[in-house]
PDB file of all heavy atoms in Angstrom:
ATOM      1  N   TYR A   1     -21.945  17.933   4.326  1.00  0.00           N
ATOM      2  CA  TYR A   1     -23.255  18.366   3.889  1.00  0.00           C
ATOM      3  C   TYR A   1     -24.339  17.346   4.217  1.00  0.00           C
ATOM      4  O   TYR A   1     -25.438  17.676   4.627  1.00  0.00           O
ATOM      5  CB  TYR A   1     -23.241  18.646   2.405  1.00  0.00           C
ATOM      6  CG  TYR A   1     -24.594  18.932   1.775  1.00  0.00           C
ATOM      7  CD1 TYR A   1     -25.319  20.026   2.171  1.00  0.00           C
ATOM      8  CD2 TYR A   1     -25.086  18.085   0.802  1.00  0.00           C
ATOM      9  CE1 TYR A   1     -26.574  20.240   1.613  1.00  0.00           C
ATOM     10  CE2 TYR A   1     -26.335  18.263   0.239  1.00  0.00           C
ATOM     11  CZ  TYR A   1     -27.077  19.348   0.630  1.00  0.00           C
ATOM     12  OH  TYR A   1     -28.304  19.602   0.103  1.00  0.00           O
ATOM     13  N   TYR A   2     -24.016  16.070   4.080  1.00  0.00           N
ATOM     14  CA  TYR A   2     -24.839  14.983   4.635  1.00  0.00           C
ATOM     15  C   TYR A   2     -23.911  13.848   5.129  1.00  0.00           C
ATOM     16  O   TYR A   2     -22.673  14.073   5.095  1.00  0.00           O
ATOM     17  CB  TYR A   2     -25.885  14.445   3.557  1.00  0.00           C
ATOM     18  CG  TYR A   2     -25.284  13.830   2.355  1.00  0.00           C
ATOM     19  CD1 TYR A   2     -24.832  12.450   2.357  1.00  0.00           C
ATOM     20  CD2 TYR A   2     -25.216  14.526   1.140  1.00  0.00           C
ATOM     21  CE1 TYR A   2     -24.300  11.873   1.206  1.00  0.00           C
ATOM     22  CE2 TYR A   2     -24.728  13.898  -0.043  1.00  0.00           C
ATOM     23  CZ  TYR A   2     -24.301  12.535   0.008  1.00  0.00           C
ATOM     24  OH  TYR A   2     -23.783  11.930  -1.086  1.00  0.00           O
ATOM     25  N   SER A   3     -24.419  12.786   5.587  1.00  0.00           N
ATOM     26  CA  SER A   3     -23.712  11.774   6.312  1.00  0.00           C
ATOM     27  C   SER A   3     -22.415  11.375   5.707  1.00  0.00           C
ATOM     28  O   SER A   3     -22.323  10.807   4.603  1.00  0.00           O
ATOM     29  CB  SER A   3     -24.624  10.492   6.456  1.00  0.00           C
ATOM     30  OG  SER A   3     -23.838   9.419   6.901  1.00  0.00           O
ATOM     31  N   VAL A   4     -21.306  11.627   6.392  1.00  0.00           N
ATOM     32  CA  VAL A   4     -19.992  11.296   5.975  1.00  0.00           C
ATOM     33  C   VAL A   4     -19.899   9.730   5.982  1.00  0.00           C
ATOM     34  O   VAL A   4     -19.211   9.130   5.153  1.00  0.00           O
ATOM     35  CB  VAL A   4     -18.877  11.903   6.800  1.00  0.00           C
ATOM     36  CG1 VAL A   4     -17.514  11.382   6.407  1.00  0.00           C
ATOM     37  CG2 VAL A   4     -18.940  13.400   6.681  1.00  0.00           C
ATOM     38  N   GLN A   5     -20.589   9.109   6.951  1.00  0.00           N
ATOM     39  CA  GLN A   5     -20.527   7.637   7.036  1.00  0.00           C
ATOM     40  C   GLN A   5     -21.122   6.997   5.737  1.00  0.00           C
ATOM     41  O   GLN A   5     -20.635   5.991   5.220  1.00  0.00           O
ATOM     42  CB  GLN A   5     -21.307   7.182   8.197  1.00  0.00           C
ATOM     43  CG  GLN A   5     -21.163   5.593   8.471  1.00  0.00           C
ATOM     44  CD  GLN A   5     -19.692   5.180   8.608  1.00  0.00           C
ATOM     45  OE1 GLN A   5     -18.953   5.759   9.440  1.00  0.00           O
ATOM     46  NE2 GLN A   5     -19.267   4.204   7.849  1.00  0.00           N
ATOM     47  N   LEU A   6     -22.189   7.583   5.291  1.00  0.00           N
ATOM     48  CA  LEU A   6     -22.760   7.078   3.953  1.00  0.00           C
ATOM     49  C   LEU A   6     -21.760   7.176   2.867  1.00  0.00           C
ATOM     50  O   LEU A   6     -21.603   6.248   2.039  1.00  0.00           O
ATOM     51  CB  LEU A   6     -24.033   7.835   3.657  1.00  0.00           C
ATOM     52  CG  LEU A   6     -24.686   7.497   2.325  1.00  0.00           C
ATOM     53  CD1 LEU A   6     -25.133   6.013   2.241  1.00  0.00           C
ATOM     54  CD2 LEU A   6     -25.886   8.410   2.054  1.00  0.00           C
ATOM     55  N   LYS A   7     -21.019   8.291   2.828  1.00  0.00           N
ATOM     56  CA  LYS A   7     -20.008   8.443   1.754  1.00  0.00           C
ATOM     57  C   LYS A   7     -18.823   7.418   1.925  1.00  0.00           C
ATOM     58  O   LYS A   7     -18.412   6.846   0.963  1.00  0.00           O
ATOM     59  CB  LYS A   7     -19.462   9.860   1.842  1.00  0.00           C
ATOM     60  CG  LYS A   7     -20.512  10.942   1.482  1.00  0.00           C
ATOM     61  CD  LYS A   7     -19.884  12.342   1.602  1.00  0.00           C
ATOM     62  CE  LYS A   7     -20.997  13.425   1.316  1.00  0.00           C
ATOM     63  NZ  LYS A   7     -20.463  14.765   1.391  1.00  0.00           N
ATOM     64  N   ARG A   8     -18.476   7.184   3.127  1.00  0.00           N
ATOM     65  CA  ARG A   8     -17.393   6.200   3.379  1.00  0.00           C
ATOM     66  C   ARG A   8     -17.894   4.768   3.053  1.00  0.00           C
ATOM     67  O   ARG A   8     -17.137   3.971   2.575  1.00  0.00           O
ATOM     68  CB  ARG A   8     -16.974   6.335   4.828  1.00  0.00           C
ATOM     69  CG  ARG A   8     -16.315   7.583   5.292  1.00  0.00           C
ATOM     70  CD  ARG A   8     -15.649   7.411   6.663  1.00  0.00           C
ATOM     71  NE  ARG A   8     -15.108   8.752   7.102  1.00  0.00           N
ATOM     72  CZ  ARG A   8     -13.921   9.155   6.727  1.00  0.00           C
ATOM     73  NH1 ARG A   8     -13.161   8.492   5.884  1.00  0.00           N
ATOM     74  NH2 ARG A   8     -13.471  10.381   7.219  1.00  0.00           N
ATOM     75  N   ASP A   9     -19.142   4.556   3.290  1.00  0.00           N
ATOM     76  CA  ASP A   9     -19.748   3.166   2.989  1.00  0.00           C
ATOM     77  C   ASP A   9     -19.768   3.015   1.471  1.00  0.00           C
ATOM     78  O   ASP A   9     -19.552   1.900   0.998  1.00  0.00           O
ATOM     79  CB  ASP A   9     -21.125   3.062   3.538  1.00  0.00           C
ATOM     80  CG  ASP A   9     -21.149   2.908   5.050  1.00  0.00           C
ATOM     81  OD1 ASP A   9     -20.013   2.632   5.661  1.00  0.00           O
ATOM     82  OD2 ASP A   9     -22.215   3.172   5.676  1.00  0.00           O
ATOM     83  N   ARG A  10     -19.983   4.054   0.700  1.00  0.00           N
ATOM     84  CA  ARG A  10     -20.006   3.949  -0.755  1.00  0.00           C
ATOM     85  C   ARG A  10     -18.548   3.578  -1.191  1.00  0.00           C
ATOM     86  O   ARG A  10     -18.339   2.692  -2.030  1.00  0.00           O
ATOM     87  CB  ARG A  10     -20.426   5.264  -1.393  1.00  0.00           C
ATOM     88  CG  ARG A  10     -21.912   5.569  -1.190  1.00  0.00           C
ATOM     89  CD  ARG A  10     -22.232   6.838  -1.972  1.00  0.00           C
ATOM     90  NE  ARG A  10     -23.615   7.290  -1.782  1.00  0.00           N
ATOM     91  CZ  ARG A  10     -23.954   8.537  -1.476  1.00  0.00           C
ATOM     92  NH1 ARG A  10     -23.011   9.464  -1.241  1.00  0.00           N
ATOM     93  NH2 ARG A  10     -25.194   8.913  -1.330  1.00  0.00           N
ATOM     94  N   ILE A  11     -17.581   4.395  -0.708  1.00  0.00           N
ATOM     95  CA  ILE A  11     -16.194   4.157  -1.089  1.00  0.00           C
ATOM     96  C   ILE A  11     -15.760   2.729  -0.668  1.00  0.00           C
ATOM     97  O   ILE A  11     -15.035   2.094  -1.425  1.00  0.00           O
ATOM     98  CB  ILE A  11     -15.265   5.193  -0.454  1.00  0.00           C
ATOM     99  CG1 ILE A  11     -15.569   6.560  -1.078  1.00  0.00           C
ATOM    100  CG2 ILE A  11     -13.814   4.844  -0.600  1.00  0.00           C
ATOM    101  CD1 ILE A  11     -15.278   6.706  -2.557  1.00  0.00           C
ATOM    102  N   ALA A  12     -16.264   2.204   0.426  1.00  0.00           N
ATOM    103  CA  ALA A  12     -15.891   0.879   0.843  1.00  0.00           C
ATOM    104  C   ALA A  12     -16.346  -0.182  -0.116  1.00  0.00           C
ATOM    105  O   ALA A  12     -15.779  -1.269  -0.205  1.00  0.00           O
ATOM    106  CB  ALA A  12     -16.504   0.581   2.267  1.00  0.00           C
ATOM    107  N   GLN A  13     -17.418   0.076  -0.860  1.00  0.00           N
ATOM    108  CA  GLN A  13     -17.858  -0.832  -1.910  1.00  0.00           C
ATOM    109  C   GLN A  13     -16.905  -0.845  -3.143  1.00  0.00           C
ATOM    110  O   GLN A  13     -16.856  -1.846  -3.847  1.00  0.00           O
ATOM    111  CB  GLN A  13     -19.265  -0.369  -2.424  1.00  0.00           C
ATOM    112  CG  GLN A  13     -20.334  -0.290  -1.388  1.00  0.00           C
ATOM    113  CD  GLN A  13     -20.694  -1.623  -0.805  1.00  0.00           C
ATOM    114  OE1 GLN A  13     -20.934  -2.577  -1.608  1.00  0.00           O
ATOM    115  NE2 GLN A  13     -20.699  -1.813   0.499  1.00  0.00           N
ATOM    116  N   LEU A  14     -16.135   0.232  -3.263  1.00  0.00           N
ATOM    117  CA  LEU A  14     -15.237   0.321  -4.439  1.00  0.00           C
ATOM    118  C   LEU A  14     -13.773  -0.061  -4.138  1.00  0.00           C
ATOM    119  O   LEU A  14     -13.070  -0.543  -5.036  1.00  0.00           O
ATOM    120  CB  LEU A  14     -15.210   1.832  -4.965  1.00  0.00           C
ATOM    121  CG  LEU A  14     -16.568   2.416  -5.367  1.00  0.00           C
ATOM    122  CD1 LEU A  14     -16.428   3.867  -5.663  1.00  0.00           C
ATOM    123  CD2 LEU A  14     -17.088   1.677  -6.658  1.00  0.00           C
ATOM    124  N   THR A  15     -13.342   0.080  -2.924  1.00  0.00           N
ATOM    125  CA  THR A  15     -11.926  -0.123  -2.648  1.00  0.00           C
ATOM    126  C   THR A  15     -11.438  -1.524  -2.837  1.00  0.00           C
ATOM    127  O   THR A  15     -10.146  -1.744  -3.091  1.00  0.00           O
ATOM    128  CB  THR A  15     -11.609   0.381  -1.204  1.00  0.00           C
ATOM    129  OG1 THR A  15     -12.522  -0.169  -0.269  1.00  0.00           O
ATOM    130  CG2 THR A  15     -11.604   1.879  -1.122  1.00  0.00           C
ATOM    131  N   PRO A  16     -12.242  -2.592  -2.745  1.00  0.00           N
ATOM    132  CA  PRO A  16     -11.667  -3.979  -3.065  1.00  0.00           C
ATOM    133  C   PRO A  16     -11.142  -4.121  -4.531  1.00  0.00           C
ATOM    134  O   PRO A  16     -10.416  -4.954  -4.788  1.00  0.00           O
ATOM    135  CB  PRO A  16     -12.860  -4.902  -2.749  1.00  0.00           C
ATOM    136  CG  PRO A  16     -13.702  -4.174  -1.842  1.00  0.00           C
ATOM    137  CD  PRO A  16     -13.616  -2.696  -2.207  1.00  0.00           C
ATOM    138  N   GLU A  17     -11.640  -3.182  -5.371  1.00  0.00           N
ATOM    139  CA  GLU A  17     -11.239  -3.248  -6.808  1.00  0.00           C
ATOM    140  C   GLU A  17      -9.811  -2.706  -6.930  1.00  0.00           C
ATOM    141  O   GLU A  17      -9.612  -1.555  -6.610  1.00  0.00           O
ATOM    142  CB  GLU A  17     -12.225  -2.533  -7.683  1.00  0.00           C
ATOM    143  CG  GLU A  17     -11.803  -2.332  -9.096  1.00  0.00           C
ATOM    144  CD  GLU A  17     -11.572  -3.664  -9.794  1.00  0.00           C
ATOM    145  OE1 GLU A  17     -12.480  -4.470  -9.861  1.00  0.00           O
ATOM    146  OE2 GLU A  17     -10.394  -3.845 -10.280  1.00  0.00           O
ATOM    147  N   PRO A  18      -8.844  -3.491  -7.420  1.00  0.00           N
ATOM    148  CA  PRO A  18      -7.485  -2.966  -7.473  1.00  0.00           C
ATOM    149  C   PRO A  18      -7.262  -1.855  -8.495  1.00  0.00           C
ATOM    150  O   PRO A  18      -6.300  -1.124  -8.397  1.00  0.00           O
ATOM    151  CB  PRO A  18      -6.646  -4.246  -7.947  1.00  0.00           C
ATOM    152  CG  PRO A  18      -7.676  -5.189  -8.597  1.00  0.00           C
ATOM    153  CD  PRO A  18      -8.932  -4.868  -7.801  1.00  0.00           C
ATOM    154  N   ARG A  19      -8.156  -1.674  -9.401  1.00  0.00           N
ATOM    155  CA  ARG A  19      -8.057  -0.548 -10.385  1.00  0.00           C
ATOM    156  C   ARG A  19      -8.728   0.683  -9.848  1.00  0.00           C
ATOM    157  O   ARG A  19      -8.819   1.667 -10.618  1.00  0.00           O
ATOM    158  CB  ARG A  19      -8.610  -0.946 -11.734  1.00  0.00           C
ATOM    159  CG  ARG A  19      -7.734  -1.916 -12.557  1.00  0.00           C
ATOM    160  CD  ARG A  19      -8.382  -2.388 -13.799  1.00  0.00           C
ATOM    161  NE  ARG A  19      -9.349  -3.424 -13.500  1.00  0.00           N
ATOM    162  CZ  ARG A  19     -10.679  -3.184 -13.535  1.00  0.00           C
ATOM    163  NH1 ARG A  19     -11.122  -2.027 -13.776  1.00  0.00           N
ATOM    164  NH2 ARG A  19     -11.537  -4.171 -13.225  1.00  0.00           N
ATOM    165  N   PHE A  20      -9.111   0.705  -8.564  1.00  0.00           N
ATOM    166  CA  PHE A  20      -9.689   1.922  -7.989  1.00  0.00           C
ATOM    167  C   PHE A  20      -8.761   2.522  -6.938  1.00  0.00           C
ATOM    168  O   PHE A  20      -8.186   1.815  -6.034  1.00  0.00           O
ATOM    169  CB  PHE A  20     -11.061   1.619  -7.289  1.00  0.00           C
ATOM    170  CG  PHE A  20     -11.681   2.811  -6.726  1.00  0.00           C
ATOM    171  CD1 PHE A  20     -12.259   3.796  -7.484  1.00  0.00           C
ATOM    172  CD2 PHE A  20     -11.670   2.985  -5.299  1.00  0.00           C
ATOM    173  CE1 PHE A  20     -12.905   4.902  -6.918  1.00  0.00           C
ATOM    174  CE2 PHE A  20     -12.207   4.117  -4.714  1.00  0.00           C
ATOM    175  CZ  PHE A  20     -12.858   5.076  -5.487  1.00  0.00           C
ATOM    176  N   ASP A  21      -8.519   3.827  -7.023  1.00  0.00           N
ATOM    177  CA  ASP A  21      -7.585   4.472  -6.088  1.00  0.00           C
ATOM    178  C   ASP A  21      -8.363   5.730  -5.574  1.00  0.00           C
ATOM    179  O   ASP A  21      -8.679   6.623  -6.343  1.00  0.00           O
ATOM    180  CB  ASP A  21      -6.336   4.929  -6.838  1.00  0.00           C
ATOM    181  CG  ASP A  21      -5.331   5.596  -5.930  1.00  0.00           C
ATOM    182  OD1 ASP A  21      -5.535   5.684  -4.692  1.00  0.00           O
ATOM    183  OD2 ASP A  21      -4.399   6.134  -6.431  1.00  0.00           O
ATOM    184  N   PHE A  22      -8.575   5.732  -4.268  1.00  0.00           N
ATOM    185  CA  PHE A  22      -9.376   6.865  -3.673  1.00  0.00           C
ATOM    186  C   PHE A  22      -8.440   7.893  -3.107  1.00  0.00           C
ATOM    187  O   PHE A  22      -7.471   7.603  -2.480  1.00  0.00           O
ATOM    188  CB  PHE A  22     -10.283   6.318  -2.545  1.00  0.00           C
ATOM    189  CG  PHE A  22     -11.027   7.500  -1.879  1.00  0.00           C
ATOM    190  CD1 PHE A  22     -11.942   8.263  -2.552  1.00  0.00           C
ATOM    191  CD2 PHE A  22     -10.732   7.835  -0.527  1.00  0.00           C
ATOM    192  CE1 PHE A  22     -12.634   9.295  -1.925  1.00  0.00           C
ATOM    193  CE2 PHE A  22     -11.414   8.846   0.122  1.00  0.00           C
ATOM    194  CZ  PHE A  22     -12.346   9.580  -0.607  1.00  0.00           C
ATOM    195  N   ARG A  23      -8.744   9.117  -3.434  1.00  0.00           N
ATOM    196  CA  ARG A  23      -8.000  10.316  -2.907  1.00  0.00           C
ATOM    197  C   ARG A  23      -8.898  11.287  -2.197  1.00  0.00           C
ATOM    198  O   ARG A  23      -9.911  11.688  -2.830  1.00  0.00           O
ATOM    199  CB  ARG A  23      -7.228  11.003  -4.024  1.00  0.00           C
ATOM    200  CG  ARG A  23      -6.506  10.179  -4.915  1.00  0.00           C
ATOM    201  CD  ARG A  23      -5.183   9.706  -4.372  1.00  0.00           C
ATOM    202  NE  ARG A  23      -4.433   8.846  -5.340  1.00  0.00           N
ATOM    203  CZ  ARG A  23      -3.564   9.390  -6.142  1.00  0.00           C
ATOM    204  NH1 ARG A  23      -3.334  10.677  -6.149  1.00  0.00           N
ATOM    205  NH2 ARG A  23      -2.983   8.595  -7.018  1.00  0.00           N
ATOM    206  N   GLN A  24      -8.720  11.527  -0.948  1.00  0.00           N
ATOM    207  CA  GLN A  24      -9.468  12.580  -0.273  1.00  0.00           C
ATOM    208  C   GLN A  24      -8.844  13.916  -0.481  1.00  0.00           C
ATOM    209  O   GLN A  24      -7.718  14.231  -0.079  1.00  0.00           O
ATOM    210  CB  GLN A  24      -9.572  12.308   1.260  1.00  0.00           C
ATOM    211  CG  GLN A  24     -10.529  13.334   1.971  1.00  0.00           C
ATOM    212  CD  GLN A  24     -10.754  12.875   3.417  1.00  0.00           C
ATOM    213  OE1 GLN A  24     -10.456  11.850   3.832  1.00  0.00           O
ATOM    214  NE2 GLN A  24     -11.370  13.847   4.135  1.00  0.00           N
ATOM    215  N   LEU A  25      -9.558  14.769  -1.184  1.00  0.00           N
ATOM    216  CA  LEU A  25      -8.950  16.034  -1.560  1.00  0.00           C
ATOM    217  C   LEU A  25     -10.106  17.019  -1.948  1.00  0.00           C
ATOM    218  O   LEU A  25     -11.117  16.678  -2.558  1.00  0.00           O
ATOM    219  CB  LEU A  25      -8.136  15.876  -2.863  1.00  0.00           C
ATOM    220  CG  LEU A  25      -7.456  17.104  -3.501  1.00  0.00           C
ATOM    221  CD1 LEU A  25      -6.499  17.778  -2.568  1.00  0.00           C
ATOM    222  CD2 LEU A  25      -6.856  16.736  -4.784  1.00  0.00           C
ATOM    223  N   ASP A  26      -9.985  18.228  -1.488  1.00  0.00           N
ATOM    224  CA  ASP A  26     -10.904  19.330  -1.779  1.00  0.00           C
ATOM    225  C   ASP A  26     -10.484  20.004  -3.041  1.00  0.00           C
ATOM    226  O   ASP A  26      -9.344  20.472  -3.141  1.00  0.00           O
ATOM    227  CB  ASP A  26     -11.010  20.273  -0.656  1.00  0.00           C
ATOM    228  CG  ASP A  26     -12.217  21.215  -0.762  1.00  0.00           C
ATOM    229  OD1 ASP A  26     -12.588  21.613  -1.881  1.00  0.00           O
ATOM    230  OD2 ASP A  26     -12.814  21.597   0.341  1.00  0.00           O
ATOM    231  N   LEU A  27     -11.321  20.094  -4.082  1.00  0.00           N
ATOM    232  CA  LEU A  27     -10.947  20.735  -5.305  1.00  0.00           C
ATOM    233  C   LEU A  27     -10.556  22.220  -5.232  1.00  0.00           C
ATOM    234  O   LEU A  27     -10.027  22.786  -6.163  1.00  0.00           O
ATOM    235  CB  LEU A  27     -12.086  20.563  -6.285  1.00  0.00           C
ATOM    236  CG  LEU A  27     -12.248  19.130  -6.868  1.00  0.00           C
ATOM    237  CD1 LEU A  27     -13.526  19.020  -7.668  1.00  0.00           C
ATOM    238  CD2 LEU A  27     -11.108  18.717  -7.728  1.00  0.00           C
ATOM    239  N   VAL A  28     -10.894  22.865  -4.126  1.00  0.00           N
ATOM    240  CA  VAL A  28     -10.475  24.275  -3.933  1.00  0.00           C
ATOM    241  C   VAL A  28      -9.004  24.472  -3.692  1.00  0.00           C
ATOM    242  O   VAL A  28      -8.472  25.525  -3.764  1.00  0.00           O
ATOM    243  CB  VAL A  28     -11.331  25.005  -2.878  1.00  0.00           C
ATOM    244  CG1 VAL A  28     -12.773  24.915  -3.192  1.00  0.00           C
ATOM    245  CG2 VAL A  28     -10.989  24.526  -1.484  1.00  0.00           C
ATOM    246  N   GLU A  29      -8.361  23.313  -3.398  1.00  0.00           N
ATOM    247  CA  GLU A  29      -6.950  23.343  -3.040  1.00  0.00           C
ATOM    248  C   GLU A  29      -6.138  23.266  -4.405  1.00  0.00           C
ATOM    249  O   GLU A  29      -5.721  22.215  -4.837  1.00  0.00           O
ATOM    250  CB  GLU A  29      -6.526  22.108  -2.175  1.00  0.00           C
ATOM    251  CG  GLU A  29      -7.270  22.159  -0.776  1.00  0.00           C
ATOM    252  CD  GLU A  29      -7.008  20.903  -0.006  1.00  0.00           C
ATOM    253  OE1 GLU A  29      -6.089  20.112  -0.315  1.00  0.00           O
ATOM    254  OE2 GLU A  29      -7.792  20.646   0.958  1.00  0.00           O
ATOM    255  N   ARG A  30      -5.919  24.390  -4.887  1.00  0.00           N
ATOM    256  CA  ARG A  30      -5.355  24.564  -6.286  1.00  0.00           C
ATOM    257  C   ARG A  30      -4.005  23.814  -6.444  1.00  0.00           C
ATOM    258  O   ARG A  30      -3.886  23.144  -7.421  1.00  0.00           O
ATOM    259  CB  ARG A  30      -5.241  26.036  -6.646  1.00  0.00           C
ATOM    260  CG  ARG A  30      -4.833  26.271  -8.122  1.00  0.00           C
ATOM    261  CD  ARG A  30      -4.975  27.659  -8.516  1.00  0.00           C
ATOM    262  NE  ARG A  30      -4.222  28.598  -7.774  1.00  0.00           N
ATOM    263  CZ  ARG A  30      -4.140  29.928  -7.972  1.00  0.00           C
ATOM    264  NH1 ARG A  30      -4.868  30.465  -8.899  1.00  0.00           N
ATOM    265  NH2 ARG A  30      -3.395  30.707  -7.190  1.00  0.00           N
ATOM    266  N   PRO A  31      -3.020  24.029  -5.637  1.00  0.00           N
ATOM    267  CA  PRO A  31      -1.760  23.368  -5.895  1.00  0.00           C
ATOM    268  C   PRO A  31      -1.880  21.781  -5.882  1.00  0.00           C
ATOM    269  O   PRO A  31      -1.267  21.116  -6.655  1.00  0.00           O
ATOM    270  CB  PRO A  31      -0.850  23.832  -4.746  1.00  0.00           C
ATOM    271  CG  PRO A  31      -1.409  25.107  -4.304  1.00  0.00           C
ATOM    272  CD  PRO A  31      -2.932  24.946  -4.516  1.00  0.00           C
ATOM    273  N   ALA A  32      -2.686  21.267  -4.928  1.00  0.00           N
ATOM    274  CA  ALA A  32      -2.899  19.865  -4.805  1.00  0.00           C
ATOM    275  C   ALA A  32      -3.604  19.346  -6.045  1.00  0.00           C
ATOM    276  O   ALA A  32      -3.240  18.167  -6.519  1.00  0.00           O
ATOM    277  CB  ALA A  32      -3.643  19.506  -3.512  1.00  0.00           C
ATOM    278  N   VAL A  33      -4.649  20.028  -6.559  1.00  0.00           N
ATOM    279  CA  VAL A  33      -5.317  19.559  -7.753  1.00  0.00           C
ATOM    280  C   VAL A  33      -4.427  19.570  -8.937  1.00  0.00           C
ATOM    281  O   VAL A  33      -4.344  18.569  -9.707  1.00  0.00           O
ATOM    282  CB  VAL A  33      -6.479  20.481  -7.998  1.00  0.00           C
ATOM    283  CG1 VAL A  33      -7.206  20.109  -9.370  1.00  0.00           C
ATOM    284  CG2 VAL A  33      -7.592  20.350  -6.893  1.00  0.00           C
ATOM    285  N   ALA A  34      -3.619  20.673  -9.095  1.00  0.00           N
ATOM    286  CA  ALA A  34      -2.630  20.682 -10.243  1.00  0.00           C
ATOM    287  C   ALA A  34      -1.568  19.568 -10.148  1.00  0.00           C
ATOM    288  O   ALA A  34      -1.260  18.952 -11.201  1.00  0.00           O
ATOM    289  CB  ALA A  34      -1.866  22.041 -10.173  1.00  0.00           C
TER     290      ALA A  34
END
């Protein structure tokens, strides 16, 4: 919808923190969400 690079750059600010775990997932995927 807007720059994916901007979104990746935000996540890159969080990933050094060991208590953060990023998952790429679309919430419409019902079995994966469950």
